[in-house]
Structures are given as C-alpha cells and as structure tokens.
Amino acid sequence: MAILAASALVPLALIARVRTVRSIQPRVHVIPDMDNQPKLQAQQSTPFFADGRAMRPEIPGTVARDGLRADDHYYRGKVDGKPATKYPVAVSHDLMQRGQDRFNTFCAPCHGLGGYGDGMVSQRADALGEGTWVPPPSFHTDQVRDRPVGEVFDIITNGIRKMPAHGPQIGVHDRWAIVAYVRALQLSRNARMEDVPPELRPALEQAR
C-alpha cells in the first residue's frame, strides 16, 4: 500500500516540477484548445518569402468579390460622366419607405423631417451663434428641386460644403432610396393638380 501511495504522488511531483522549472521547450498542452497556432501575425517577418515579409502585397488590379462597381449609373449616379436624370433602381412603395427610414436617421437631424433645413442639429447650432455653422439649404427651393437625381446621390455619397460624406455609412441602394424620398418630399410641397391621379382630383377640389 505504501508503494502504491508513493507511486500516486509521482505524477503530481512531475507536474509541480514542470510548473516551476524554466525550460526552452513549450509547455505540454493536454487539451490544446487552439492556444498555440502555427501562423504568422501581421507585420511579422519570415524567411519563407524572398522579401522577408509575412504580409503579402496586393496583386495589381485585384478586385474584391462584388467590388468592381463598373456601373457608373448605379454606383456613382453618373451617365456618360454627367449626373443621371433617371433612377437606376425601380421606384416602389418599399423603396420609398426605406428612404424615409434612412432619411429620418441620417438626414433629418440637420435637414429636418420636412426638408426645410430646420433639424435639431441646425437649430442648436443657430442657438449657439458661434458663426461657424453653415445652415443646410431647404429642399424646396427651385435651385435644389432642379438638381438631377444623380447629383443628389453624389452629394449624399461625397458630401458638400459642411455636409460630410455619407457614402461610407449608407449603402448604395439606401442612398437611392433617400434620393427617391427627397423627391417625394419636394413633390409634396410643390405638387400641381396635374400630378394627382384623375380619380382623386374631385375630392381634392372639394377640399379646396
């Protein structure tokens, strides 16, 4: 029994020794759990490649999957180098709802829910009166209404004056949705009777 008891202590003694003695060998992992992975990290060197770098340079002309973006009309709002006058996407009720949601999130803080340039940020900047704020223009002026849809898309994408670029945070399809909703806002404030479907005109004329 004494021999068995002493033998049972041997593994514990070996474990204690391994934990306290320095060694150039890596520790034994009974359950590795991917603690040590034989891979190269960013900015490390390696003799495997002739230039000694672990990170490989991009191959000239490489394009990420779905990253070619050759359609200027859809991705940049231009046709033959000029601002597009037509949408590259189908304007639908769903697109308009999406545009309203994105407009209220990203645009309304400055431009206001109605597009008059009276959003909460703009009101606060005017109240501070520091002299550095450039008020956003109203969407309901002739100058802004006459802008082609491609130009509005480009402004959302790349910004203008004090307005920052929103391309990095708003997807391409959502930007076109915002353009469609801005056009709807403009039409709602500048509509003519001819724009109303014929079957709805009698009710509007009675309301007037």
N, C-alpha and C. Protein backbone atom coordinates (compact mmCIF):
# COMPACT_ATOMS: atom_id res chain seq x y z
N MET A 1 0.82 -1.20 0.00
CA MET A 1 0.00 0.00 0.00
C MET A 1 0.86 1.27 0.00
N ALA A 2 1.96 1.20 0.77
CA ALA A 2 2.84 2.37 0.84
C ALA A 2 3.46 2.65 -0.52
N ILE A 3 3.80 1.55 -1.24
CA ILE A 3 4.40 1.74 -2.56
C ILE A 3 3.38 2.36 -3.53
N LEU A 4 2.16 1.89 -3.46
CA LEU A 4 1.12 2.44 -4.34
C LEU A 4 0.85 3.91 -4.03
N ALA A 5 0.83 4.26 -2.75
CA ALA A 5 0.60 5.64 -2.37
C ALA A 5 1.73 6.54 -2.86
N ALA A 6 2.97 6.02 -2.73
CA ALA A 6 4.11 6.81 -3.21
C ALA A 6 4.09 6.96 -4.72
N SER A 7 3.68 5.90 -5.43
CA SER A 7 3.62 5.95 -6.89
C SER A 7 2.56 6.96 -7.35
N ALA A 8 1.50 7.07 -6.59
CA ALA A 8 0.45 8.01 -6.96
C ALA A 8 0.90 9.46 -6.85
N LEU A 9 1.91 9.70 -6.04
CA LEU A 9 2.41 11.06 -5.88
C LEU A 9 3.38 11.48 -6.97
N VAL A 10 3.91 10.49 -7.70
CA VAL A 10 4.90 10.79 -8.74
C VAL A 10 4.35 11.73 -9.81
N PRO A 11 3.17 11.48 -10.39
CA PRO A 11 2.66 12.42 -11.40
C PRO A 11 2.49 13.84 -10.86
N LEU A 12 2.02 13.95 -9.61
CA LEU A 12 1.85 15.28 -9.04
C LEU A 12 3.20 15.98 -8.88
N ALA A 13 4.22 15.21 -8.49
CA ALA A 13 5.54 15.80 -8.34
C ALA A 13 6.09 16.26 -9.68
N LEU A 14 5.87 15.47 -10.73
CA LEU A 14 6.34 15.85 -12.05
C LEU A 14 5.63 17.10 -12.56
N ILE A 15 4.32 17.18 -12.30
CA ILE A 15 3.56 18.36 -12.72
C ILE A 15 4.06 19.61 -12.00
N ALA A 16 4.32 19.46 -10.68
CA ALA A 16 4.83 20.59 -9.91
C ALA A 16 6.20 21.03 -10.42
N ARG A 17 7.02 20.08 -10.80
CA ARG A 17 8.35 20.42 -11.31
C ARG A 17 8.25 21.17 -12.63
N VAL A 18 7.39 20.69 -13.52
CA VAL A 18 7.24 21.34 -14.82
C VAL A 18 6.75 22.78 -14.66
N ARG A 19 5.90 23.01 -13.67
CA ARG A 19 5.32 24.34 -13.47
C ARG A 19 6.32 25.32 -12.85
N THR A 20 7.35 24.83 -12.22
CA THR A 20 8.28 25.71 -11.51
C THR A 20 9.65 25.83 -12.17
N VAL A 21 10.02 24.90 -13.02
CA VAL A 21 11.35 24.90 -13.64
C VAL A 21 11.26 25.57 -15.01
N ARG A 22 12.20 26.46 -15.31
CA ARG A 22 12.26 27.11 -16.60
C ARG A 22 12.75 26.14 -17.67
N SER A 23 12.21 26.30 -18.88
CA SER A 23 12.61 25.42 -19.97
C SER A 23 12.42 26.15 -21.28
N ILE A 24 13.25 25.83 -22.28
CA ILE A 24 13.10 26.42 -23.60
C ILE A 24 12.05 25.68 -24.42
N GLN A 25 11.58 24.59 -23.93
CA GLN A 25 10.56 23.82 -24.63
C GLN A 25 9.17 24.34 -24.27
N PRO A 26 8.25 24.32 -25.23
CA PRO A 26 6.88 24.76 -24.92
C PRO A 26 6.21 23.82 -23.93
N ARG A 27 5.29 24.36 -23.18
CA ARG A 27 4.58 23.54 -22.21
C ARG A 27 3.72 22.50 -22.90
N VAL A 28 3.51 21.41 -22.19
CA VAL A 28 2.67 20.35 -22.71
C VAL A 28 1.21 20.74 -22.51
N HIS A 29 0.46 20.72 -23.62
CA HIS A 29 -0.97 21.02 -23.55
C HIS A 29 -1.74 19.72 -23.71
N VAL A 30 -2.32 19.26 -22.62
CA VAL A 30 -3.11 18.04 -22.69
C VAL A 30 -4.36 18.30 -23.54
N ILE A 31 -5.00 19.45 -23.32
CA ILE A 31 -6.14 19.89 -24.13
C ILE A 31 -5.75 21.23 -24.75
N PRO A 32 -5.24 21.24 -25.97
CA PRO A 32 -4.67 22.48 -26.54
C PRO A 32 -5.67 23.63 -26.65
N ASP A 33 -6.92 23.35 -27.08
CA ASP A 33 -7.93 24.41 -27.26
C ASP A 33 -7.43 25.53 -28.17
N MET A 34 -6.56 25.21 -29.10
CA MET A 34 -6.03 26.18 -30.08
C MET A 34 -5.30 27.34 -29.40
N ASP A 35 -4.70 27.06 -28.22
CA ASP A 35 -3.94 28.11 -27.54
C ASP A 35 -2.73 28.54 -28.36
N ASN A 36 -2.07 27.60 -28.96
CA ASN A 36 -0.90 27.88 -29.78
C ASN A 36 -1.22 27.50 -31.23
N GLN A 37 -1.16 28.50 -32.11
CA GLN A 37 -1.48 28.26 -33.51
C GLN A 37 -0.27 28.61 -34.37
N PRO A 38 0.19 27.67 -35.16
CA PRO A 38 1.37 27.94 -36.01
C PRO A 38 1.01 28.81 -37.19
N LYS A 39 0.94 30.11 -36.98
CA LYS A 39 0.60 31.03 -38.07
C LYS A 39 1.41 32.30 -37.90
N LEU A 40 1.47 33.07 -38.95
CA LEU A 40 2.18 34.34 -38.94
C LEU A 40 1.21 35.48 -38.67
N GLN A 41 1.60 36.38 -37.81
CA GLN A 41 0.79 37.54 -37.48
C GLN A 41 1.14 38.72 -38.39
N ALA A 42 0.28 39.73 -38.37
CA ALA A 42 0.54 40.93 -39.17
C ALA A 42 1.85 41.58 -38.75
N GLN A 43 2.57 42.09 -39.73
CA GLN A 43 3.85 42.80 -39.54
C GLN A 43 4.99 41.90 -39.09
N GLN A 44 4.81 40.59 -39.06
CA GLN A 44 5.90 39.70 -38.69
C GLN A 44 6.79 39.44 -39.90
N SER A 45 8.00 39.00 -39.61
CA SER A 45 8.93 38.64 -40.68
C SER A 45 9.01 37.12 -40.80
N THR A 46 9.42 36.67 -41.96
CA THR A 46 9.57 35.24 -42.20
C THR A 46 10.59 35.03 -43.30
N PRO A 47 11.41 34.01 -43.18
CA PRO A 47 12.37 33.71 -44.25
C PRO A 47 11.73 32.95 -45.41
N PHE A 48 10.45 32.65 -45.30
CA PHE A 48 9.79 31.85 -46.33
C PHE A 48 9.72 32.59 -47.66
N PHE A 49 9.48 33.94 -47.59
CA PHE A 49 9.39 34.75 -48.80
C PHE A 49 10.68 35.53 -49.00
N ALA A 50 10.96 35.83 -50.26
CA ALA A 50 12.23 36.49 -50.59
C ALA A 50 12.34 37.87 -49.96
N ASP A 51 11.24 38.59 -49.80
CA ASP A 51 11.31 39.93 -49.23
C ASP A 51 11.27 39.91 -47.70
N GLY A 52 11.15 38.73 -47.09
CA GLY A 52 11.20 38.62 -45.63
C GLY A 52 9.93 39.04 -44.93
N ARG A 53 8.87 39.38 -45.67
CA ARG A 53 7.63 39.85 -45.05
C ARG A 53 6.60 38.73 -45.01
N ALA A 54 5.90 38.66 -43.88
CA ALA A 54 4.82 37.68 -43.78
C ALA A 54 3.58 38.16 -44.53
N MET A 55 3.32 39.48 -44.46
CA MET A 55 2.16 40.03 -45.16
C MET A 55 2.48 40.19 -46.64
N ARG A 56 1.62 39.67 -47.48
CA ARG A 56 1.87 39.73 -48.90
C ARG A 56 1.22 40.97 -49.52
N PRO A 57 1.91 41.65 -50.41
CA PRO A 57 1.33 42.84 -51.04
C PRO A 57 0.19 42.45 -51.97
N GLU A 58 -0.74 43.40 -52.19
CA GLU A 58 -1.85 43.14 -53.09
C GLU A 58 -1.34 43.00 -54.53
N ILE A 59 -1.96 42.11 -55.26
CA ILE A 59 -1.62 41.93 -56.66
C ILE A 59 -2.24 43.08 -57.45
N PRO A 60 -1.46 43.78 -58.27
CA PRO A 60 -2.02 44.91 -59.03
C PRO A 60 -3.25 44.49 -59.83
N GLY A 61 -4.28 45.34 -59.75
CA GLY A 61 -5.50 45.05 -60.48
C GLY A 61 -6.47 44.14 -59.77
N THR A 62 -6.14 43.74 -58.54
CA THR A 62 -7.04 42.85 -57.81
C THR A 62 -8.32 43.58 -57.42
N VAL A 63 -9.43 42.93 -57.60
CA VAL A 63 -10.74 43.49 -57.25
C VAL A 63 -11.43 42.52 -56.30
N ALA A 64 -11.95 43.05 -55.19
CA ALA A 64 -12.66 42.20 -54.24
C ALA A 64 -13.92 41.65 -54.87
N ARG A 65 -14.38 40.53 -54.34
CA ARG A 65 -15.61 39.93 -54.85
C ARG A 65 -16.76 40.95 -54.76
N ASP A 66 -17.47 41.11 -55.84
CA ASP A 66 -18.56 42.08 -55.95
C ASP A 66 -18.08 43.52 -55.76
N GLY A 67 -16.78 43.76 -55.99
CA GLY A 67 -16.24 45.09 -55.76
C GLY A 67 -15.84 45.84 -57.02
N LEU A 68 -16.17 45.33 -58.19
CA LEU A 68 -15.76 46.00 -59.43
C LEU A 68 -16.48 47.34 -59.59
N ARG A 69 -17.78 47.36 -59.32
CA ARG A 69 -18.58 48.60 -59.36
C ARG A 69 -18.37 49.38 -60.66
N ALA A 70 -18.53 48.67 -61.77
CA ALA A 70 -18.32 49.29 -63.07
C ALA A 70 -19.53 50.09 -63.54
N ASP A 71 -20.67 49.89 -62.90
CA ASP A 71 -21.90 50.59 -63.30
C ASP A 71 -21.90 52.00 -62.72
N ASP A 72 -21.48 52.98 -63.52
CA ASP A 72 -21.41 54.36 -63.05
C ASP A 72 -22.78 54.89 -62.66
N HIS A 73 -23.80 54.49 -63.38
CA HIS A 73 -25.14 54.99 -63.09
C HIS A 73 -25.56 54.60 -61.68
N TYR A 74 -25.38 53.33 -61.33
CA TYR A 74 -25.83 52.84 -60.03
C TYR A 74 -24.90 53.26 -58.90
N TYR A 75 -23.59 53.12 -59.10
CA TYR A 75 -22.65 53.34 -58.00
C TYR A 75 -22.21 54.79 -57.85
N ARG A 76 -22.28 55.59 -58.90
CA ARG A 76 -21.80 56.97 -58.82
C ARG A 76 -22.83 58.00 -59.26
N GLY A 77 -23.97 57.55 -59.74
CA GLY A 77 -25.02 58.50 -60.14
C GLY A 77 -24.69 59.28 -61.39
N LYS A 78 -23.88 58.71 -62.28
CA LYS A 78 -23.47 59.42 -63.49
C LYS A 78 -23.74 58.58 -64.73
N VAL A 79 -24.07 59.25 -65.81
CA VAL A 79 -24.23 58.62 -67.11
C VAL A 79 -23.42 59.43 -68.11
N ASP A 80 -22.45 58.79 -68.74
CA ASP A 80 -21.53 59.48 -69.66
C ASP A 80 -20.83 60.65 -68.97
N GLY A 81 -20.52 60.47 -67.71
CA GLY A 81 -19.78 61.49 -66.97
C GLY A 81 -20.62 62.63 -66.44
N LYS A 82 -21.93 62.60 -66.67
CA LYS A 82 -22.81 63.67 -66.21
C LYS A 82 -23.82 63.12 -65.19
N PRO A 83 -24.33 63.98 -64.30
CA PRO A 83 -25.31 63.50 -63.31
C PRO A 83 -26.52 62.86 -64.00
N ALA A 84 -26.90 61.70 -63.51
CA ALA A 84 -28.02 60.97 -64.10
C ALA A 84 -29.33 61.71 -63.84
N THR A 85 -30.23 61.61 -64.79
CA THR A 85 -31.55 62.22 -64.64
C THR A 85 -32.62 61.18 -64.33
N LYS A 86 -32.25 59.89 -64.39
CA LYS A 86 -33.19 58.81 -64.11
C LYS A 86 -32.61 57.89 -63.05
N TYR A 87 -33.47 57.16 -62.39
CA TYR A 87 -33.06 56.23 -61.34
C TYR A 87 -32.54 54.92 -61.96
N PRO A 88 -31.48 54.36 -61.37
CA PRO A 88 -31.03 53.03 -61.82
C PRO A 88 -31.76 51.90 -61.12
N VAL A 89 -32.68 52.24 -60.22
CA VAL A 89 -33.45 51.24 -59.48
C VAL A 89 -34.94 51.56 -59.68
N ALA A 90 -35.76 50.54 -59.49
CA ALA A 90 -37.20 50.73 -59.62
C ALA A 90 -37.72 51.46 -58.38
N VAL A 91 -38.44 52.55 -58.62
CA VAL A 91 -39.02 53.32 -57.52
C VAL A 91 -40.34 52.67 -57.12
N SER A 92 -40.39 52.16 -55.91
CA SER A 92 -41.57 51.44 -55.43
C SER A 92 -41.95 51.96 -54.04
N HIS A 93 -43.07 51.46 -53.56
CA HIS A 93 -43.51 51.85 -52.21
C HIS A 93 -42.50 51.40 -51.17
N ASP A 94 -41.96 50.19 -51.33
CA ASP A 94 -40.96 49.68 -50.39
C ASP A 94 -39.71 50.54 -50.41
N LEU A 95 -39.27 50.94 -51.60
CA LEU A 95 -38.08 51.80 -51.70
C LEU A 95 -38.33 53.13 -51.01
N MET A 96 -39.53 53.67 -51.18
CA MET A 96 -39.86 54.96 -50.57
C MET A 96 -39.88 54.85 -49.04
N GLN A 97 -40.42 53.76 -48.53
CA GLN A 97 -40.43 53.56 -47.07
C GLN A 97 -39.02 53.43 -46.53
N ARG A 98 -38.18 52.70 -47.25
CA ARG A 98 -36.79 52.57 -46.83
C ARG A 98 -36.09 53.93 -46.86
N GLY A 99 -36.38 54.71 -47.89
CA GLY A 99 -35.79 56.03 -47.98
C GLY A 99 -36.22 56.94 -46.85
N GLN A 100 -37.48 56.85 -46.46
CA GLN A 100 -37.96 57.65 -45.33
C GLN A 100 -37.24 57.26 -44.05
N ASP A 101 -37.08 55.96 -43.84
CA ASP A 101 -36.40 55.48 -42.63
C ASP A 101 -34.95 55.96 -42.59
N ARG A 102 -34.23 55.83 -43.71
CA ARG A 102 -32.83 56.26 -43.74
C ARG A 102 -32.71 57.78 -43.68
N PHE A 103 -33.65 58.48 -44.30
CA PHE A 103 -33.63 59.95 -44.24
C PHE A 103 -33.82 60.42 -42.81
N ASN A 104 -34.79 59.86 -42.12
CA ASN A 104 -35.05 60.28 -40.73
C ASN A 104 -33.87 59.97 -39.82
N THR A 105 -33.10 58.94 -40.16
CA THR A 105 -31.96 58.56 -39.34
C THR A 105 -30.74 59.43 -39.61
N PHE A 106 -30.39 59.61 -40.87
CA PHE A 106 -29.13 60.25 -41.23
C PHE A 106 -29.28 61.72 -41.66
N CYS A 107 -30.41 62.09 -42.20
CA CYS A 107 -30.55 63.42 -42.80
C CYS A 107 -31.36 64.41 -41.95
N ALA A 108 -32.44 63.90 -41.35
CA ALA A 108 -33.35 64.78 -40.61
C ALA A 108 -32.69 65.55 -39.47
N PRO A 109 -31.67 65.01 -38.77
CA PRO A 109 -31.06 65.80 -37.69
C PRO A 109 -30.60 67.19 -38.14
N CYS A 110 -30.17 67.32 -39.38
CA CYS A 110 -29.77 68.64 -39.89
C CYS A 110 -30.85 69.24 -40.78
N HIS A 111 -31.38 68.43 -41.72
CA HIS A 111 -32.29 68.96 -42.73
C HIS A 111 -33.73 69.07 -42.24
N GLY A 112 -34.06 68.41 -41.13
CA GLY A 112 -35.43 68.45 -40.64
C GLY A 112 -36.28 67.39 -41.31
N LEU A 113 -37.34 66.97 -40.64
CA LEU A 113 -38.21 65.93 -41.19
C LEU A 113 -38.90 66.37 -42.47
N GLY A 114 -39.14 67.67 -42.62
CA GLY A 114 -39.79 68.18 -43.82
C GLY A 114 -38.83 68.65 -44.89
N GLY A 115 -37.51 68.64 -44.59
CA GLY A 115 -36.52 69.06 -45.58
C GLY A 115 -36.34 70.55 -45.70
N TYR A 116 -36.68 71.30 -44.64
CA TYR A 116 -36.55 72.76 -44.68
C TYR A 116 -35.24 73.25 -44.06
N GLY A 117 -34.37 72.35 -43.65
CA GLY A 117 -33.12 72.77 -43.04
C GLY A 117 -33.26 73.19 -41.60
N ASP A 118 -34.31 72.71 -40.93
CA ASP A 118 -34.58 73.13 -39.56
C ASP A 118 -34.50 71.95 -38.58
N GLY A 119 -33.57 71.04 -38.82
CA GLY A 119 -33.40 69.90 -37.92
C GLY A 119 -32.86 70.32 -36.57
N MET A 120 -32.86 69.38 -35.63
CA MET A 120 -32.43 69.68 -34.26
C MET A 120 -30.99 70.17 -34.21
N VAL A 121 -30.12 69.56 -35.01
CA VAL A 121 -28.71 69.99 -35.02
C VAL A 121 -28.61 71.42 -35.53
N SER A 122 -29.35 71.71 -36.60
CA SER A 122 -29.30 73.06 -37.16
C SER A 122 -29.85 74.09 -36.17
N GLN A 123 -30.94 73.76 -35.50
CA GLN A 123 -31.50 74.68 -34.52
C GLN A 123 -30.52 74.93 -33.37
N ARG A 124 -29.87 73.89 -32.92
CA ARG A 124 -28.90 74.03 -31.83
C ARG A 124 -27.71 74.89 -32.26
N ALA A 125 -27.22 74.66 -33.47
CA ALA A 125 -26.09 75.45 -33.96
C ALA A 125 -26.46 76.92 -34.10
N ASP A 126 -27.68 77.18 -34.57
CA ASP A 126 -28.13 78.58 -34.67
C ASP A 126 -28.24 79.23 -33.29
N ALA A 127 -28.71 78.45 -32.31
CA ALA A 127 -28.84 79.00 -30.96
C ALA A 127 -27.49 79.32 -30.34
N LEU A 128 -26.47 78.51 -30.65
CA LEU A 128 -25.13 78.78 -30.11
C LEU A 128 -24.53 80.04 -30.72
N GLY A 129 -24.84 80.31 -31.99
CA GLY A 129 -24.38 81.54 -32.62
C GLY A 129 -22.88 81.69 -32.67
N GLU A 130 -22.16 80.62 -32.93
CA GLU A 130 -20.70 80.69 -32.95
C GLU A 130 -20.15 81.20 -34.28
N GLY A 131 -21.00 81.30 -35.28
CA GLY A 131 -20.56 81.87 -36.55
C GLY A 131 -19.87 80.90 -37.49
N THR A 132 -19.77 79.64 -37.12
CA THR A 132 -19.09 78.67 -37.97
C THR A 132 -20.07 77.72 -38.66
N TRP A 133 -21.34 77.81 -38.31
CA TRP A 133 -22.33 76.89 -38.85
C TRP A 133 -22.86 77.39 -40.20
N VAL A 134 -22.89 76.47 -41.18
CA VAL A 134 -23.48 76.78 -42.48
C VAL A 134 -24.83 76.08 -42.53
N PRO A 135 -25.93 76.80 -42.47
CA PRO A 135 -27.25 76.16 -42.43
C PRO A 135 -27.49 75.32 -43.67
N PRO A 136 -28.06 74.14 -43.52
CA PRO A 136 -28.38 73.33 -44.70
C PRO A 136 -29.50 73.99 -45.49
N PRO A 137 -29.43 73.94 -46.81
CA PRO A 137 -30.46 74.60 -47.61
C PRO A 137 -31.79 73.84 -47.55
N SER A 138 -32.84 74.53 -47.80
CA SER A 138 -34.15 73.89 -47.90
C SER A 138 -34.23 73.10 -49.20
N PHE A 139 -34.85 71.95 -49.14
CA PHE A 139 -35.03 71.15 -50.35
C PHE A 139 -36.10 71.74 -51.27
N HIS A 140 -36.81 72.76 -50.81
CA HIS A 140 -37.97 73.23 -51.53
C HIS A 140 -37.73 74.53 -52.29
N THR A 141 -36.47 74.82 -52.56
CA THR A 141 -36.14 75.96 -53.42
C THR A 141 -36.00 75.45 -54.86
N ASP A 142 -36.15 76.35 -55.81
CA ASP A 142 -36.04 75.96 -57.22
C ASP A 142 -34.66 75.39 -57.53
N GLN A 143 -33.62 75.96 -56.92
CA GLN A 143 -32.26 75.51 -57.19
C GLN A 143 -32.07 74.05 -56.80
N VAL A 144 -32.58 73.67 -55.63
CA VAL A 144 -32.42 72.29 -55.17
C VAL A 144 -33.37 71.36 -55.90
N ARG A 145 -34.58 71.81 -56.16
CA ARG A 145 -35.54 70.95 -56.87
C ARG A 145 -35.06 70.62 -58.28
N ASP A 146 -34.31 71.53 -58.90
CA ASP A 146 -33.87 71.33 -60.28
C ASP A 146 -32.64 70.44 -60.39
N ARG A 147 -32.07 70.03 -59.28
CA ARG A 147 -30.89 69.17 -59.35
C ARG A 147 -31.27 67.78 -59.86
N PRO A 148 -30.50 67.22 -60.78
CA PRO A 148 -30.79 65.86 -61.24
C PRO A 148 -30.64 64.85 -60.08
N VAL A 149 -31.31 63.73 -60.19
CA VAL A 149 -31.24 62.73 -59.12
C VAL A 149 -29.82 62.23 -58.92
N GLY A 150 -29.04 62.18 -60.00
CA GLY A 150 -27.65 61.74 -59.87
C GLY A 150 -26.81 62.70 -59.07
N GLU A 151 -27.11 63.99 -59.17
CA GLU A 151 -26.37 64.98 -58.39
C GLU A 151 -26.72 64.87 -56.90
N VAL A 152 -27.99 64.64 -56.61
CA VAL A 152 -28.39 64.44 -55.21
C VAL A 152 -27.71 63.21 -54.64
N PHE A 153 -27.65 62.14 -55.43
CA PHE A 153 -26.97 60.92 -55.00
C PHE A 153 -25.49 61.20 -54.72
N ASP A 154 -24.85 61.96 -55.60
CA ASP A 154 -23.43 62.29 -55.42
C ASP A 154 -23.20 63.11 -54.16
N ILE A 155 -24.11 64.03 -53.86
CA ILE A 155 -23.97 64.85 -52.65
C ILE A 155 -24.08 63.98 -51.40
N ILE A 156 -25.03 63.04 -51.40
CA ILE A 156 -25.16 62.13 -50.26
C ILE A 156 -23.89 61.30 -50.11
N THR A 157 -23.35 60.87 -51.23
CA THR A 157 -22.18 59.98 -51.22
C THR A 157 -20.93 60.71 -50.76
N ASN A 158 -20.66 61.87 -51.34
CA ASN A 158 -19.38 62.55 -51.13
C ASN A 158 -19.47 63.81 -50.28
N GLY A 159 -20.68 64.24 -49.94
CA GLY A 159 -20.81 65.44 -49.13
C GLY A 159 -20.71 66.71 -49.96
N ILE A 160 -21.00 67.83 -49.32
CA ILE A 160 -20.89 69.13 -49.99
C ILE A 160 -20.76 70.20 -48.90
N ARG A 161 -19.83 71.11 -49.09
CA ARG A 161 -19.56 72.15 -48.11
C ARG A 161 -19.37 71.55 -46.71
N LYS A 162 -20.18 71.93 -45.73
CA LYS A 162 -20.02 71.42 -44.37
C LYS A 162 -20.60 70.01 -44.18
N MET A 163 -21.41 69.58 -45.13
CA MET A 163 -22.04 68.26 -45.02
C MET A 163 -21.00 67.18 -45.31
N PRO A 164 -20.80 66.24 -44.38
CA PRO A 164 -19.80 65.19 -44.60
C PRO A 164 -20.31 64.13 -45.58
N ALA A 165 -19.40 63.33 -46.07
CA ALA A 165 -19.76 62.23 -46.96
C ALA A 165 -20.48 61.14 -46.17
N HIS A 166 -21.60 60.67 -46.71
CA HIS A 166 -22.35 59.59 -46.06
C HIS A 166 -22.20 58.27 -46.80
N GLY A 167 -21.40 58.26 -47.86
CA GLY A 167 -21.18 57.02 -48.59
C GLY A 167 -20.65 55.89 -47.74
N PRO A 168 -19.68 56.17 -46.84
CA PRO A 168 -19.13 55.07 -46.04
C PRO A 168 -20.13 54.44 -45.07
N GLN A 169 -21.20 55.13 -44.72
CA GLN A 169 -22.12 54.58 -43.72
C GLN A 169 -23.51 54.26 -44.26
N ILE A 170 -23.80 54.67 -45.48
CA ILE A 170 -25.10 54.37 -46.09
C ILE A 170 -24.85 53.58 -47.36
N GLY A 171 -25.46 52.42 -47.48
CA GLY A 171 -25.28 51.59 -48.66
C GLY A 171 -25.79 52.25 -49.93
N VAL A 172 -25.33 51.75 -51.08
CA VAL A 172 -25.69 52.35 -52.37
C VAL A 172 -27.21 52.34 -52.57
N HIS A 173 -27.84 51.20 -52.36
CA HIS A 173 -29.28 51.10 -52.56
C HIS A 173 -30.04 52.05 -51.62
N ASP A 174 -29.57 52.15 -50.39
CA ASP A 174 -30.22 53.05 -49.43
C ASP A 174 -30.04 54.51 -49.83
N ARG A 175 -28.93 54.84 -50.47
CA ARG A 175 -28.75 56.22 -50.93
C ARG A 175 -29.75 56.57 -52.03
N TRP A 176 -29.98 55.63 -52.93
CA TRP A 176 -31.00 55.87 -53.96
C TRP A 176 -32.39 55.95 -53.33
N ALA A 177 -32.62 55.18 -52.28
CA ALA A 177 -33.91 55.25 -51.59
C ALA A 177 -34.10 56.63 -50.97
N ILE A 178 -33.03 57.19 -50.41
CA ILE A 178 -33.12 58.54 -49.84
C ILE A 178 -33.40 59.56 -50.93
N VAL A 179 -32.74 59.42 -52.08
CA VAL A 179 -32.99 60.34 -53.20
C VAL A 179 -34.46 60.31 -53.59
N ALA A 180 -35.03 59.11 -53.68
CA ALA A 180 -36.43 58.99 -54.05
C ALA A 180 -37.33 59.65 -53.01
N TYR A 181 -36.99 59.49 -51.73
CA TYR A 181 -37.81 60.09 -50.68
C TYR A 181 -37.68 61.61 -50.68
N VAL A 182 -36.48 62.11 -50.95
CA VAL A 182 -36.31 63.58 -51.04
C VAL A 182 -37.15 64.13 -52.18
N ARG A 183 -37.19 63.43 -53.29
CA ARG A 183 -38.03 63.86 -54.40
C ARG A 183 -39.51 63.85 -53.98
N ALA A 184 -39.91 62.86 -53.20
CA ALA A 184 -41.29 62.81 -52.72
C ALA A 184 -41.59 63.99 -51.80
N LEU A 185 -40.64 64.33 -50.93
CA LEU A 185 -40.82 65.50 -50.07
C LEU A 185 -40.99 66.77 -50.89
N GLN A 186 -40.16 66.91 -51.91
CA GLN A 186 -40.24 68.10 -52.75
C GLN A 186 -41.58 68.16 -53.49
N LEU A 187 -42.02 67.00 -53.99
CA LEU A 187 -43.29 66.98 -54.70
C LEU A 187 -44.45 67.29 -53.76
N SER A 188 -44.34 66.83 -52.51
CA SER A 188 -45.44 67.07 -51.57
C SER A 188 -45.62 68.55 -51.25
N ARG A 189 -44.57 69.35 -51.42
CA ARG A 189 -44.64 70.78 -51.12
C ARG A 189 -44.81 71.62 -52.38
N ASN A 190 -44.74 70.99 -53.54
CA ASN A 190 -44.78 71.76 -54.78
C ASN A 190 -45.59 71.03 -55.85
N ALA A 191 -46.60 70.28 -55.42
CA ALA A 191 -47.38 69.49 -56.36
C ALA A 191 -48.40 70.34 -57.10
N ARG A 192 -48.72 69.91 -58.31
CA ARG A 192 -49.75 70.54 -59.12
C ARG A 192 -50.95 69.60 -59.22
N MET A 193 -52.07 70.12 -59.58
CA MET A 193 -53.25 69.27 -59.73
C MET A 193 -53.03 68.21 -60.80
N GLU A 194 -52.21 68.55 -61.82
CA GLU A 194 -51.93 67.59 -62.88
C GLU A 194 -51.15 66.38 -62.38
N ASP A 195 -50.47 66.53 -61.22
CA ASP A 195 -49.71 65.42 -60.67
C ASP A 195 -50.59 64.42 -59.92
N VAL A 196 -51.81 64.81 -59.63
CA VAL A 196 -52.72 63.95 -58.88
C VAL A 196 -53.44 63.01 -59.84
N PRO A 197 -53.58 61.73 -59.52
CA PRO A 197 -54.33 60.82 -60.38
C PRO A 197 -55.74 61.35 -60.62
N PRO A 198 -56.26 61.20 -61.83
CA PRO A 198 -57.58 61.78 -62.18
C PRO A 198 -58.70 61.37 -61.23
N GLU A 199 -58.66 60.13 -60.75
CA GLU A 199 -59.76 59.68 -59.90
C GLU A 199 -59.76 60.35 -58.53
N LEU A 200 -58.65 60.97 -58.15
CA LEU A 200 -58.56 61.62 -56.84
C LEU A 200 -58.75 63.13 -56.91
N ARG A 201 -58.78 63.67 -58.09
CA ARG A 201 -58.85 65.12 -58.21
C ARG A 201 -60.16 65.71 -57.71
N PRO A 202 -61.34 65.09 -57.95
CA PRO A 202 -62.57 65.69 -57.45
C PRO A 202 -62.59 65.88 -55.94
N ALA A 203 -62.05 64.90 -55.19
CA ALA A 203 -62.04 65.03 -53.73
C ALA A 203 -61.15 66.19 -53.30
N LEU A 204 -60.03 66.38 -53.98
CA LEU A 204 -59.12 67.47 -53.63
C LEU A 204 -59.75 68.83 -53.98
N GLU A 205 -60.42 68.87 -55.09
CA GLU A 205 -61.04 70.14 -55.49
C GLU A 205 -62.14 70.53 -54.51
N GLN A 206 -62.88 69.53 -53.99
CA GLN A 206 -63.89 69.81 -52.99
C GLN A 206 -63.27 70.30 -51.69
N ALA A 207 -62.12 69.71 -51.34
CA ALA A 207 -61.44 70.10 -50.10
C ALA A 207 -60.92 71.53 -50.19
N ARG A 208 -60.60 71.98 -51.39
CA ARG A 208 -60.10 73.35 -51.57
C ARG A 208 -61.23 74.36 -51.40
